[in-house]
N, C-alpha and C. Protein backbone atom coordinates (compact mmCIF):
# COMPACT_ATOMS: atom_id res chain seq x y z
N MET A 1 33.93 111.11 93.15
CA MET A 1 35.38 111.29 93.13
C MET A 1 36.05 109.94 93.30
N ASP A 2 37.07 109.65 92.48
CA ASP A 2 37.78 108.38 92.55
C ASP A 2 38.63 108.33 93.80
N ARG A 3 38.40 107.33 94.61
CA ARG A 3 39.10 107.20 95.89
C ARG A 3 40.60 106.95 95.70
N ASN A 4 40.98 106.28 94.61
CA ASN A 4 42.38 105.93 94.38
C ASN A 4 43.14 106.96 93.57
N ALA A 5 42.46 108.01 93.12
CA ALA A 5 43.16 109.04 92.35
C ALA A 5 44.13 109.78 93.26
N PRO A 6 45.37 110.03 92.78
CA PRO A 6 46.33 110.73 93.63
C PRO A 6 45.84 112.13 93.96
N LYS A 7 45.98 112.50 95.20
CA LYS A 7 45.60 113.83 95.65
C LYS A 7 46.76 114.78 95.38
N PRO A 8 46.50 116.03 95.03
CA PRO A 8 47.59 116.94 94.69
C PRO A 8 48.53 117.21 95.86
N TYR A 9 48.00 117.27 97.07
CA TYR A 9 48.86 117.53 98.21
C TYR A 9 48.21 116.95 99.45
N LEU A 10 48.96 116.19 100.19
CA LEU A 10 48.48 115.66 101.46
C LEU A 10 49.29 116.31 102.56
N SER A 11 48.66 116.50 103.69
CA SER A 11 49.29 117.29 104.74
C SER A 11 50.49 116.61 105.38
N SER A 12 50.51 115.30 105.44
CA SER A 12 51.63 114.67 106.11
C SER A 12 52.03 113.38 105.43
N MET A 13 53.21 112.91 105.78
CA MET A 13 53.72 111.69 105.19
C MET A 13 52.86 110.49 105.58
N LYS A 14 52.31 110.50 106.79
CA LYS A 14 51.45 109.37 107.19
C LYS A 14 50.21 109.29 106.30
N ASP A 15 49.69 110.46 105.87
CA ASP A 15 48.55 110.45 104.95
C ASP A 15 48.94 109.87 103.60
N ARG A 16 50.17 110.16 103.15
CA ARG A 16 50.63 109.63 101.87
C ARG A 16 50.87 108.12 101.98
N ILE A 17 51.37 107.66 103.11
CA ILE A 17 51.54 106.22 103.31
C ILE A 17 50.18 105.53 103.31
N ARG A 18 49.20 106.15 103.97
CA ARG A 18 47.84 105.59 103.98
C ARG A 18 47.28 105.55 102.55
N GLN A 19 47.56 106.58 101.76
CA GLN A 19 47.07 106.60 100.38
C GLN A 19 47.70 105.47 99.57
N ILE A 20 48.98 105.20 99.78
CA ILE A 20 49.64 104.08 99.08
C ILE A 20 48.97 102.77 99.49
N MET A 21 48.75 102.61 100.79
CA MET A 21 48.12 101.40 101.31
C MET A 21 46.74 101.20 100.68
N GLU A 22 45.97 102.26 100.60
CA GLU A 22 44.63 102.17 100.02
C GLU A 22 44.69 101.93 98.52
N SER A 23 45.68 102.53 97.83
CA SER A 23 45.79 102.31 96.38
C SER A 23 46.18 100.88 96.06
N GLN A 24 46.81 100.20 97.01
CA GLN A 24 47.17 98.79 96.83
C GLN A 24 46.04 97.87 97.30
N HIS A 25 44.95 98.46 97.77
CA HIS A 25 43.79 97.71 98.26
C HIS A 25 44.19 96.74 99.38
N MET A 26 44.96 97.26 100.33
CA MET A 26 45.43 96.43 101.44
C MET A 26 44.94 97.00 102.76
N THR A 27 44.71 96.10 103.69
CA THR A 27 44.42 96.54 105.06
C THR A 27 45.72 96.97 105.71
N GLN A 28 45.60 97.61 106.84
CA GLN A 28 46.79 98.06 107.56
C GLN A 28 47.69 96.87 107.92
N GLN A 29 47.09 95.80 108.37
CA GLN A 29 47.83 94.58 108.75
C GLN A 29 48.55 93.98 107.54
N VAL A 30 47.85 93.85 106.43
CA VAL A 30 48.43 93.25 105.22
C VAL A 30 49.54 94.15 104.66
N PHE A 31 49.31 95.47 104.66
CA PHE A 31 50.31 96.40 104.14
C PHE A 31 51.58 96.35 104.99
N ALA A 32 51.42 96.29 106.31
CA ALA A 32 52.59 96.21 107.20
C ALA A 32 53.40 94.95 106.90
N GLN A 33 52.73 93.83 106.71
CA GLN A 33 53.43 92.60 106.37
C GLN A 33 54.06 92.69 104.98
N PHE A 34 53.38 93.34 104.06
CA PHE A 34 53.87 93.49 102.69
C PHE A 34 55.20 94.25 102.66
N ILE A 35 55.30 95.33 103.46
CA ILE A 35 56.54 96.11 103.48
C ILE A 35 57.50 95.63 104.56
N GLU A 36 57.19 94.46 105.13
CA GLU A 36 58.04 93.81 106.13
C GLU A 36 58.28 94.71 107.34
N MET A 37 57.17 95.20 107.88
CA MET A 37 57.18 96.07 109.05
C MET A 37 56.16 95.53 110.03
N SER A 38 56.38 95.75 111.29
CA SER A 38 55.41 95.24 112.26
C SER A 38 54.12 96.06 112.18
N PRO A 39 52.97 95.39 112.30
CA PRO A 39 51.70 96.12 112.27
C PRO A 39 51.60 97.16 113.38
N ALA A 40 52.21 96.89 114.52
CA ALA A 40 52.17 97.85 115.63
C ALA A 40 52.92 99.14 115.28
N SER A 41 54.04 99.00 114.58
CA SER A 41 54.81 100.18 114.18
C SER A 41 54.02 101.02 113.19
N LEU A 42 53.38 100.37 112.23
CA LEU A 42 52.57 101.10 111.26
C LEU A 42 51.38 101.77 111.95
N SER A 43 50.78 101.06 112.88
CA SER A 43 49.66 101.63 113.63
C SER A 43 50.08 102.87 114.42
N SER A 44 51.27 102.82 115.02
CA SER A 44 51.72 103.99 115.81
C SER A 44 52.00 105.18 114.90
N ILE A 45 52.37 104.94 113.65
CA ILE A 45 52.55 106.04 112.70
C ILE A 45 51.19 106.64 112.36
N PHE A 46 50.21 105.78 112.05
CA PHE A 46 48.88 106.28 111.69
C PHE A 46 48.18 106.96 112.86
N ASN A 47 48.47 106.54 114.08
CA ASN A 47 47.86 107.17 115.26
C ASN A 47 48.60 108.42 115.70
N GLY A 48 49.74 108.71 115.07
CA GLY A 48 50.49 109.92 115.40
C GLY A 48 51.42 109.78 116.59
N ARG A 49 51.59 108.57 117.12
CA ARG A 49 52.50 108.39 118.25
C ARG A 49 53.96 108.47 117.82
N THR A 50 54.25 108.00 116.60
CA THR A 50 55.62 108.09 116.07
C THR A 50 55.57 108.68 114.66
N LYS A 51 56.70 109.20 114.24
CA LYS A 51 56.81 109.77 112.90
C LYS A 51 57.42 108.73 111.97
N PRO A 52 57.06 108.75 110.69
CA PRO A 52 57.67 107.81 109.74
C PRO A 52 59.17 108.07 109.62
N THR A 53 59.93 106.99 109.48
CA THR A 53 61.38 107.10 109.36
C THR A 53 61.81 106.76 107.94
N LEU A 54 63.09 106.93 107.69
CA LEU A 54 63.65 106.59 106.39
C LEU A 54 63.52 105.09 106.13
N ASN A 55 63.51 104.28 107.18
CA ASN A 55 63.37 102.84 107.00
C ASN A 55 62.03 102.49 106.34
N ILE A 56 60.96 103.17 106.71
CA ILE A 56 59.66 102.87 106.09
C ILE A 56 59.65 103.33 104.64
N VAL A 57 60.32 104.45 104.35
CA VAL A 57 60.41 104.92 102.96
C VAL A 57 61.15 103.88 102.12
N GLU A 58 62.26 103.37 102.66
CA GLU A 58 63.04 102.36 101.94
C GLU A 58 62.24 101.08 101.76
N ALA A 59 61.49 100.68 102.78
CA ALA A 59 60.69 99.46 102.70
C ALA A 59 59.61 99.59 101.63
N ILE A 60 58.95 100.74 101.58
CA ILE A 60 57.91 100.96 100.57
C ILE A 60 58.54 100.99 99.17
N LYS A 61 59.64 101.70 99.03
CA LYS A 61 60.31 101.82 97.73
C LYS A 61 60.81 100.46 97.24
N LYS A 62 61.25 99.62 98.18
CA LYS A 62 61.73 98.28 97.82
C LYS A 62 60.59 97.43 97.25
N LYS A 63 59.40 97.54 97.84
CA LYS A 63 58.27 96.74 97.40
C LYS A 63 57.50 97.38 96.24
N ILE A 64 57.51 98.72 96.16
CA ILE A 64 56.80 99.43 95.10
C ILE A 64 57.79 100.39 94.44
N PRO A 65 58.65 99.88 93.56
CA PRO A 65 59.71 100.72 92.99
C PRO A 65 59.22 101.90 92.17
N ASP A 66 57.98 101.84 91.66
CA ASP A 66 57.46 102.93 90.83
C ASP A 66 56.97 104.12 91.65
N ILE A 67 56.97 104.00 92.97
CA ILE A 67 56.49 105.09 93.82
C ILE A 67 57.52 106.23 93.79
N SER A 68 57.07 107.43 93.76
CA SER A 68 57.97 108.59 93.76
C SER A 68 58.42 108.89 95.19
N THR A 69 59.71 108.84 95.40
CA THR A 69 60.25 109.13 96.74
C THR A 69 60.00 110.59 97.12
N ASP A 70 60.11 111.50 96.16
CA ASP A 70 59.82 112.92 96.44
C ASP A 70 58.38 113.10 96.89
N TRP A 71 57.47 112.41 96.22
CA TRP A 71 56.07 112.52 96.61
C TRP A 71 55.86 111.93 97.99
N LEU A 72 56.43 110.75 98.24
CA LEU A 72 56.23 110.08 99.52
C LEU A 72 56.78 110.91 100.68
N MET A 73 57.98 111.44 100.51
CA MET A 73 58.61 112.16 101.62
C MET A 73 58.13 113.60 101.76
N PHE A 74 57.94 114.28 100.63
CA PHE A 74 57.68 115.72 100.68
C PHE A 74 56.34 116.15 100.10
N GLY A 75 55.64 115.23 99.43
CA GLY A 75 54.36 115.58 98.83
C GLY A 75 54.48 116.33 97.53
N SER A 76 55.68 116.33 96.91
CA SER A 76 55.85 117.06 95.65
C SER A 76 55.83 116.10 94.48
N GLY A 77 55.23 116.56 93.39
CA GLY A 77 55.16 115.73 92.19
C GLY A 77 54.00 114.75 92.26
N SER A 78 54.06 113.76 91.38
CA SER A 78 52.99 112.78 91.35
C SER A 78 53.37 111.55 92.18
N MET A 79 52.36 110.74 92.48
CA MET A 79 52.54 109.58 93.35
C MET A 79 53.48 108.55 92.73
N TYR A 80 53.36 108.35 91.43
CA TYR A 80 54.18 107.35 90.75
C TYR A 80 55.13 108.04 89.79
N LEU A 81 56.28 107.41 89.58
CA LEU A 81 57.25 107.91 88.62
C LEU A 81 56.70 107.72 87.21
N ASP A 82 57.12 108.61 86.28
CA ASP A 82 56.70 108.38 84.90
C ASP A 82 57.47 107.19 84.34
N ARG A 83 57.09 106.72 83.19
CA ARG A 83 57.67 105.48 82.65
C ARG A 83 59.17 105.59 82.43
N ASN A 84 59.68 106.73 81.95
CA ASN A 84 61.12 106.87 81.69
C ASN A 84 61.91 106.84 82.98
N THR A 85 61.44 107.54 84.01
CA THR A 85 62.12 107.55 85.29
C THR A 85 62.06 106.18 85.92
N ALA A 86 60.90 105.51 85.83
CA ALA A 86 60.76 104.17 86.39
C ALA A 86 61.68 103.20 85.68
N ALA A 87 61.85 103.35 84.36
CA ALA A 87 62.75 102.47 83.62
C ALA A 87 64.18 102.67 84.09
N ASP A 88 64.56 103.92 84.36
CA ASP A 88 65.90 104.18 84.89
C ASP A 88 66.09 103.53 86.24
N ALA A 89 65.05 103.53 87.06
CA ALA A 89 65.16 102.94 88.40
C ALA A 89 65.33 101.44 88.32
N HIS A 90 64.78 100.81 87.25
CA HIS A 90 64.88 99.36 87.09
C HIS A 90 66.06 98.96 86.24
N ALA A 91 66.87 99.90 85.78
CA ALA A 91 67.97 99.60 84.89
C ALA A 91 68.97 98.67 85.56
N GLU A 92 69.60 97.85 84.73
CA GLU A 92 70.60 96.92 85.24
C GLU A 92 71.81 97.69 85.73
N PRO A 93 72.41 97.27 86.85
CA PRO A 93 73.62 97.95 87.31
C PRO A 93 74.77 97.66 86.34
N LEU A 94 75.75 98.56 86.32
CA LEU A 94 76.91 98.39 85.46
C LEU A 94 77.72 97.20 85.91
N PRO A 95 78.37 96.50 84.96
CA PRO A 95 79.27 95.43 85.37
C PRO A 95 80.37 95.96 86.26
N LYS A 96 80.93 95.10 87.11
CA LYS A 96 81.91 95.55 88.09
C LYS A 96 83.17 96.11 87.43
N ASN A 97 83.51 95.65 86.23
CA ASN A 97 84.74 96.13 85.59
C ASN A 97 84.52 97.45 84.84
N GLN A 98 83.29 97.93 84.76
CA GLN A 98 83.00 99.17 84.06
C GLN A 98 82.70 100.26 85.08
N GLU A 99 83.45 101.36 85.00
CA GLU A 99 83.28 102.45 85.96
C GLU A 99 82.39 103.53 85.37
N THR A 100 81.63 104.19 86.22
CA THR A 100 80.85 105.33 85.76
C THR A 100 81.76 106.53 85.66
N MET A 101 81.51 107.37 84.68
CA MET A 101 82.33 108.54 84.46
C MET A 101 81.59 109.77 84.95
N LEU A 102 82.26 110.61 85.71
CA LEU A 102 81.67 111.85 86.18
C LEU A 102 82.06 112.97 85.23
N ASP A 103 81.14 113.89 85.00
CA ASP A 103 81.39 115.01 84.10
C ASP A 103 81.75 116.22 84.93
N PHE A 104 83.01 116.64 84.85
CA PHE A 104 83.48 117.80 85.58
C PHE A 104 83.66 118.99 84.64
N SER A 105 82.98 118.98 83.50
CA SER A 105 83.18 120.03 82.51
C SER A 105 82.50 121.34 82.89
N GLU A 106 81.51 121.28 83.78
CA GLU A 106 80.82 122.51 84.17
C GLU A 106 81.44 123.08 85.44
N ALA A 107 81.42 124.40 85.54
CA ALA A 107 81.93 125.06 86.73
C ALA A 107 80.97 124.83 87.88
N PRO A 108 81.44 124.86 89.12
CA PRO A 108 80.54 124.66 90.26
C PRO A 108 79.50 125.76 90.33
N THR A 109 78.27 125.37 90.73
CA THR A 109 77.20 126.35 90.77
C THR A 109 76.74 126.66 92.18
N LEU A 110 77.00 125.79 93.12
CA LEU A 110 76.55 126.03 94.48
C LEU A 110 77.59 126.85 95.24
N ALA A 111 77.12 127.66 96.18
CA ALA A 111 78.04 128.45 96.98
C ALA A 111 78.97 127.55 97.78
N SER A 112 78.46 126.40 98.24
CA SER A 112 79.31 125.48 99.00
C SER A 112 80.42 124.92 98.13
N ASP A 113 80.14 124.73 96.81
CA ASP A 113 81.17 124.25 95.90
C ASP A 113 82.26 125.29 95.70
N LEU A 114 81.89 126.56 95.71
CA LEU A 114 82.86 127.62 95.50
C LEU A 114 83.80 127.76 96.68
N THR A 115 83.34 127.41 97.86
CA THR A 115 84.19 127.52 99.05
C THR A 115 84.90 126.23 99.37
N ASN A 116 84.58 125.15 98.66
CA ASN A 116 85.21 123.86 98.90
C ASN A 116 86.62 123.89 98.30
N PRO A 117 87.66 123.67 99.11
CA PRO A 117 89.02 123.79 98.60
C PRO A 117 89.40 122.69 97.61
N THR A 118 88.63 121.61 97.52
CA THR A 118 89.01 120.53 96.61
C THR A 118 88.53 120.77 95.18
N VAL A 119 87.69 121.79 94.96
CA VAL A 119 87.18 122.07 93.62
C VAL A 119 87.98 123.22 93.04
N GLN A 120 88.49 123.02 91.82
CA GLN A 120 89.22 124.07 91.14
C GLN A 120 88.44 124.50 89.92
N ASN A 121 88.66 125.72 89.46
CA ASN A 121 87.98 126.19 88.27
C ASN A 121 88.56 125.60 86.99
N SER A 122 89.67 124.90 87.06
CA SER A 122 90.26 124.29 85.87
C SER A 122 89.61 122.95 85.57
N ASN A 123 88.38 122.75 86.07
CA ASN A 123 87.59 121.55 85.77
C ASN A 123 88.25 120.26 86.22
N SER A 124 88.96 120.30 87.30
CA SER A 124 89.55 119.08 87.85
C SER A 124 89.40 119.11 89.36
N VAL A 125 89.63 118.00 89.94
CA VAL A 125 89.54 117.89 91.39
C VAL A 125 90.95 117.75 91.93
N LYS A 126 91.28 118.59 92.91
CA LYS A 126 92.59 118.53 93.52
C LYS A 126 92.72 117.22 94.30
N THR A 127 93.78 116.54 94.11
CA THR A 127 93.96 115.27 94.82
C THR A 127 94.38 115.54 96.26
N THR A 128 93.94 114.68 97.13
CA THR A 128 94.33 114.77 98.52
C THR A 128 95.39 113.73 98.78
N ARG A 129 96.03 113.80 99.91
CA ARG A 129 97.06 112.81 100.24
C ARG A 129 96.44 111.43 100.19
N SER A 130 96.98 110.57 99.36
CA SER A 130 96.38 109.26 99.19
C SER A 130 96.77 108.30 100.30
N ASN A 131 97.90 108.51 100.88
CA ASN A 131 98.34 107.58 101.92
C ASN A 131 98.45 108.32 103.25
N LEU A 132 97.33 108.55 103.85
CA LEU A 132 97.30 109.22 105.14
C LEU A 132 97.83 108.27 106.21
N VAL A 133 98.66 108.80 107.08
CA VAL A 133 99.21 108.00 108.16
C VAL A 133 98.47 108.38 109.43
N ARG A 134 97.99 107.40 110.11
CA ARG A 134 97.23 107.67 111.33
C ARG A 134 97.93 106.98 112.49
N ASP A 135 98.48 107.80 113.35
CA ASP A 135 99.12 107.27 114.55
C ASP A 135 98.12 107.29 115.68
N GLU A 136 98.01 106.17 116.35
CA GLU A 136 97.12 106.10 117.49
C GLU A 136 97.94 105.87 118.74
N ILE A 137 97.68 106.67 119.71
CA ILE A 137 98.38 106.55 120.98
C ILE A 137 97.34 106.28 122.04
N LYS A 138 97.54 105.20 122.78
CA LYS A 138 96.62 104.89 123.87
C LYS A 138 97.27 105.37 125.17
N ILE A 139 96.49 106.14 125.89
CA ILE A 139 96.99 106.69 127.14
C ILE A 139 96.25 106.01 128.29
N PHE A 140 97.03 105.42 129.17
CA PHE A 140 96.46 104.79 130.35
C PHE A 140 96.90 105.61 131.55
N ASP A 141 96.03 106.47 132.03
CA ASP A 141 96.40 107.29 133.17
C ASP A 141 95.92 106.69 134.48
N LYS A 142 95.19 105.59 134.44
CA LYS A 142 94.74 104.94 135.66
C LYS A 142 95.10 103.47 135.58
N PRO A 143 95.55 102.90 136.69
CA PRO A 143 95.78 101.45 136.68
C PRO A 143 94.45 100.71 136.62
N ALA A 144 94.49 99.47 136.16
CA ALA A 144 93.28 98.68 136.07
C ALA A 144 92.65 98.52 137.45
N ARG A 145 91.34 98.59 137.51
CA ARG A 145 90.64 98.47 138.79
C ARG A 145 90.42 97.01 139.11
N ARG A 146 90.39 96.72 140.43
CA ARG A 146 90.13 95.36 140.90
C ARG A 146 89.03 95.41 141.94
N VAL A 147 88.25 94.34 142.02
CA VAL A 147 87.19 94.24 143.02
C VAL A 147 87.85 93.93 144.36
N THR A 148 87.52 94.72 145.37
CA THR A 148 88.09 94.47 146.70
C THR A 148 87.06 93.93 147.68
N GLU A 149 85.79 94.23 147.44
CA GLU A 149 84.76 93.75 148.36
C GLU A 149 83.40 93.82 147.68
N ILE A 150 82.57 92.80 147.98
CA ILE A 150 81.19 92.78 147.48
C ILE A 150 80.29 92.64 148.69
N ARG A 151 79.27 93.51 148.78
CA ARG A 151 78.33 93.44 149.90
C ARG A 151 76.94 93.13 149.36
N VAL A 152 76.25 92.21 150.07
CA VAL A 152 74.89 91.84 149.71
C VAL A 152 74.01 92.21 150.88
N PHE A 153 72.98 93.01 150.60
CA PHE A 153 72.05 93.43 151.64
C PHE A 153 70.77 92.63 151.51
N TYR A 154 70.25 92.16 152.66
CA TYR A 154 69.04 91.35 152.71
C TYR A 154 67.89 92.17 153.27
N ASP A 155 66.65 91.69 153.01
CA ASP A 155 65.47 92.43 153.45
C ASP A 155 65.25 92.37 154.96
N ASP A 156 66.00 91.53 155.68
CA ASP A 156 65.87 91.51 157.14
C ASP A 156 66.89 92.43 157.81
N GLN A 157 67.39 93.38 157.04
CA GLN A 157 68.31 94.40 157.52
C GLN A 157 69.69 93.84 157.86
N THR A 158 70.06 92.69 157.33
CA THR A 158 71.41 92.14 157.53
C THR A 158 72.16 92.22 156.20
N TRP A 159 73.46 92.01 156.27
CA TRP A 159 74.27 92.04 155.08
C TRP A 159 75.48 91.14 155.25
N GLU A 160 76.06 90.75 154.12
CA GLU A 160 77.27 89.94 154.13
C GLU A 160 78.29 90.60 153.22
N SER A 161 79.54 90.47 153.56
CA SER A 161 80.64 90.96 152.74
C SER A 161 81.43 89.80 152.19
N PHE A 162 81.79 89.90 150.96
CA PHE A 162 82.61 88.90 150.31
C PHE A 162 83.88 89.57 149.80
N VAL A 163 85.02 89.02 150.13
CA VAL A 163 86.30 89.58 149.71
C VAL A 163 86.99 88.53 148.85
N PRO A 164 87.39 88.88 147.64
CA PRO A 164 88.04 87.90 146.78
C PRO A 164 89.41 87.49 147.34
N ALA A 165 89.78 86.26 147.05
CA ALA A 165 91.08 85.77 147.52
C ALA A 165 92.19 86.52 146.78
N LYS A 166 93.25 86.84 147.49
CA LYS A 166 94.38 87.54 146.87
C LYS A 166 95.24 86.54 146.14
N LYS A 167 95.73 86.93 145.00
CA LYS A 167 96.56 86.05 144.18
C LYS A 167 98.00 86.41 144.30
């Protein structure tokens, strides 16, 4: 059996991280440095002391963009993205003066969309107040506190008091 062949399902995310590490032919120490993570943190994940966080997913995705995030996080799909999806992930961002267009031609399909008051069935989004006014009121119900005395206790059972000079 090929050791680097993707397994159909691994029981936990730490197993999938280990599989990525092994597919890259890296030791635990080298892989931790590769994804810019401390070796101790990676070790604690593999030993089960801590659970993998979104930061490790982002670090792996940053260094290995072809890795499938769905596979890494949930174990679904294949380990690597197919070529078309990977090409989309590497696509150049739009120039700053060009805006992306959202398609609102379809009716909402989720129950949460149906109850959201900002979605209308006329295929438009209801505008909200664009210039919200926020008044902030600070309430001071206590006067500022002042130090009146400082006591220092010593191990020979004595103490001293210090009182600040009054201004």
